[in-house]
Amino acid sequence: MNVFFLSLIFSWVGGPVVSTGLSILLGALIGAPATWYFARHIRHLMDVADGTDAL
């Protein structure tokens, strides 16, 4: 997640611009669970394609 760029966009309407370090931390906190969920989804699709999906 590009939190720094998002904060720059929100600064146009009066929001704060976050520091680089804080944006890296927030991006990691948001990105790690999103990456894990997406990897599980891809694994599920691979299992379905192989016919080994156990619903």
N, C-alpha and C. Protein backbone atom coordinates (compact mmCIF):
# COMPACT_ATOMS: atom_id res chain seq x y z
N MET A 1 0.85 -1.17 0.00
CA MET A 1 0.00 0.00 0.00
C MET A 1 0.89 1.23 0.00
N ASN A 2 0.59 2.16 -0.86
CA ASN A 2 1.36 3.39 -0.92
C ASN A 2 0.67 4.43 -0.04
N VAL A 3 0.92 4.34 1.25
CA VAL A 3 0.28 5.22 2.23
C VAL A 3 0.77 6.65 2.07
N PHE A 4 2.04 6.83 1.72
CA PHE A 4 2.57 8.18 1.56
C PHE A 4 1.85 8.92 0.45
N PHE A 5 1.68 8.28 -0.70
CA PHE A 5 0.97 8.91 -1.82
C PHE A 5 -0.48 9.18 -1.45
N LEU A 6 -1.10 8.25 -0.74
CA LEU A 6 -2.47 8.46 -0.29
C LEU A 6 -2.57 9.67 0.62
N SER A 7 -1.60 9.85 1.50
CA SER A 7 -1.63 11.01 2.39
C SER A 7 -1.41 12.31 1.61
N LEU A 8 -0.62 12.24 0.52
CA LEU A 8 -0.46 13.43 -0.31
C LEU A 8 -1.76 13.81 -0.99
N ILE A 9 -2.50 12.82 -1.44
CA ILE A 9 -3.80 13.10 -2.07
C ILE A 9 -4.75 13.71 -1.04
N PHE A 10 -4.79 13.12 0.17
CA PHE A 10 -5.67 13.66 1.21
C PHE A 10 -5.23 15.05 1.68
N SER A 11 -3.97 15.41 1.47
CA SER A 11 -3.52 16.74 1.87
C SER A 11 -4.18 17.84 1.04
N TRP A 12 -4.69 17.49 -0.13
CA TRP A 12 -5.39 18.47 -0.97
C TRP A 12 -6.69 18.94 -0.32
N VAL A 13 -7.25 18.11 0.54
CA VAL A 13 -8.49 18.48 1.22
C VAL A 13 -8.25 18.77 2.70
N GLY A 14 -7.00 19.01 3.06
CA GLY A 14 -6.68 19.42 4.42
C GLY A 14 -6.15 18.35 5.33
N GLY A 15 -5.93 17.14 4.82
CA GLY A 15 -5.41 16.07 5.64
C GLY A 15 -3.91 16.22 5.89
N PRO A 16 -3.39 15.51 6.88
CA PRO A 16 -1.96 15.59 7.17
C PRO A 16 -1.15 14.73 6.20
N VAL A 17 0.09 15.12 5.98
CA VAL A 17 1.03 14.32 5.19
C VAL A 17 1.87 13.52 6.19
N VAL A 18 1.84 12.19 6.07
CA VAL A 18 2.58 11.35 7.02
C VAL A 18 4.04 11.28 6.62
N SER A 19 4.88 11.00 7.59
CA SER A 19 6.31 10.89 7.33
C SER A 19 6.60 9.60 6.55
N THR A 20 7.78 9.53 6.00
CA THR A 20 8.17 8.36 5.22
C THR A 20 8.21 7.11 6.09
N GLY A 21 8.79 7.21 7.27
CA GLY A 21 8.88 6.07 8.17
C GLY A 21 7.51 5.56 8.61
N LEU A 22 6.63 6.49 8.94
CA LEU A 22 5.29 6.10 9.36
C LEU A 22 4.52 5.48 8.20
N SER A 23 4.71 6.01 7.00
CA SER A 23 4.01 5.44 5.85
C SER A 23 4.50 4.03 5.54
N ILE A 24 5.79 3.76 5.75
CA ILE A 24 6.32 2.40 5.55
C ILE A 24 5.72 1.46 6.58
N LEU A 25 5.63 1.90 7.83
CA LEU A 25 5.05 1.08 8.90
C LEU A 25 3.58 0.80 8.63
N LEU A 26 2.82 1.83 8.28
CA LEU A 26 1.40 1.64 8.01
C LEU A 26 1.19 0.76 6.77
N GLY A 27 2.02 0.94 5.76
CA GLY A 27 1.91 0.11 4.57
C GLY A 27 2.18 -1.35 4.87
N ALA A 28 3.14 -1.62 5.74
CA ALA A 28 3.44 -3.01 6.12
C ALA A 28 2.30 -3.60 6.94
N LEU A 29 1.72 -2.80 7.83
CA LEU A 29 0.61 -3.29 8.65
C LEU A 29 -0.62 -3.60 7.81
N ILE A 30 -0.85 -2.82 6.77
CA ILE A 30 -1.99 -3.06 5.89
C ILE A 30 -1.65 -4.13 4.86
N GLY A 31 -0.43 -4.09 4.33
CA GLY A 31 -0.05 -4.97 3.24
C GLY A 31 0.17 -6.41 3.62
N ALA A 32 0.68 -6.68 4.81
CA ALA A 32 0.97 -8.06 5.20
C ALA A 32 -0.30 -8.92 5.27
N PRO A 33 -1.35 -8.48 5.95
CA PRO A 33 -2.57 -9.30 5.96
C PRO A 33 -3.21 -9.41 4.57
N ALA A 34 -3.16 -8.34 3.79
CA ALA A 34 -3.73 -8.38 2.45
C ALA A 34 -2.97 -9.37 1.57
N THR A 35 -1.65 -9.41 1.70
CA THR A 35 -0.84 -10.36 0.94
C THR A 35 -1.15 -11.79 1.36
N TRP A 36 -1.28 -12.04 2.66
CA TRP A 36 -1.60 -13.37 3.16
C TRP A 36 -2.96 -13.84 2.63
N TYR A 37 -3.97 -12.95 2.66
CA TYR A 37 -5.30 -13.31 2.17
C TYR A 37 -5.26 -13.60 0.67
N PHE A 38 -4.57 -12.78 -0.10
CA PHE A 38 -4.49 -12.98 -1.54
C PHE A 38 -3.76 -14.28 -1.86
N ALA A 39 -2.71 -14.61 -1.11
CA ALA A 39 -1.98 -15.86 -1.34
C ALA A 39 -2.89 -17.06 -1.05
N ARG A 40 -3.72 -16.98 -0.01
CA ARG A 40 -4.67 -18.06 0.27
C ARG A 40 -5.68 -18.21 -0.86
N HIS A 41 -6.11 -17.09 -1.41
CA HIS A 41 -7.07 -17.12 -2.52
C HIS A 41 -6.44 -17.80 -3.75
N ILE A 42 -5.21 -17.44 -4.05
CA ILE A 42 -4.52 -18.06 -5.19
C ILE A 42 -4.31 -19.55 -4.94
N ARG A 43 -3.96 -19.93 -3.71
CA ARG A 43 -3.81 -21.35 -3.37
C ARG A 43 -5.12 -22.10 -3.57
N HIS A 44 -6.22 -21.48 -3.18
CA HIS A 44 -7.54 -22.08 -3.39
C HIS A 44 -7.82 -22.27 -4.88
N LEU A 45 -7.52 -21.26 -5.68
CA LEU A 45 -7.74 -21.38 -7.12
C LEU A 45 -6.88 -22.48 -7.72
N MET A 46 -5.65 -22.63 -7.24
CA MET A 46 -4.79 -23.70 -7.72
C MET A 46 -5.35 -25.07 -7.33
N ASP A 47 -5.89 -25.18 -6.11
CA ASP A 47 -6.48 -26.44 -5.67
C ASP A 47 -7.72 -26.78 -6.50
N VAL A 48 -8.53 -25.78 -6.81
CA VAL A 48 -9.71 -26.01 -7.63
C VAL A 48 -9.30 -26.48 -9.01
N ALA A 49 -8.28 -25.86 -9.58
CA ALA A 49 -7.81 -26.25 -10.92
C ALA A 49 -7.26 -27.67 -10.92
N ASP A 50 -6.63 -28.09 -9.81
CA ASP A 50 -6.09 -29.44 -9.71
C ASP A 50 -7.16 -30.47 -9.35
N GLY A 51 -8.31 -30.01 -8.91
CA GLY A 51 -9.36 -30.92 -8.50
C GLY A 51 -9.17 -31.47 -7.11
N THR A 52 -8.34 -30.82 -6.29
CA THR A 52 -8.09 -31.29 -4.92
C THR A 52 -8.76 -30.40 -3.89
N ASP A 53 -9.73 -29.62 -4.33
CA ASP A 53 -10.42 -28.69 -3.41
C ASP A 53 -11.38 -29.47 -2.53
N ALA A 54 -11.21 -29.34 -1.22
CA ALA A 54 -12.08 -30.04 -0.27
C ALA A 54 -12.98 -29.02 0.38
N LEU A 55 -14.15 -28.80 -0.19
CA LEU A 55 -15.09 -27.83 0.38
C LEU A 55 -15.80 -28.45 1.50
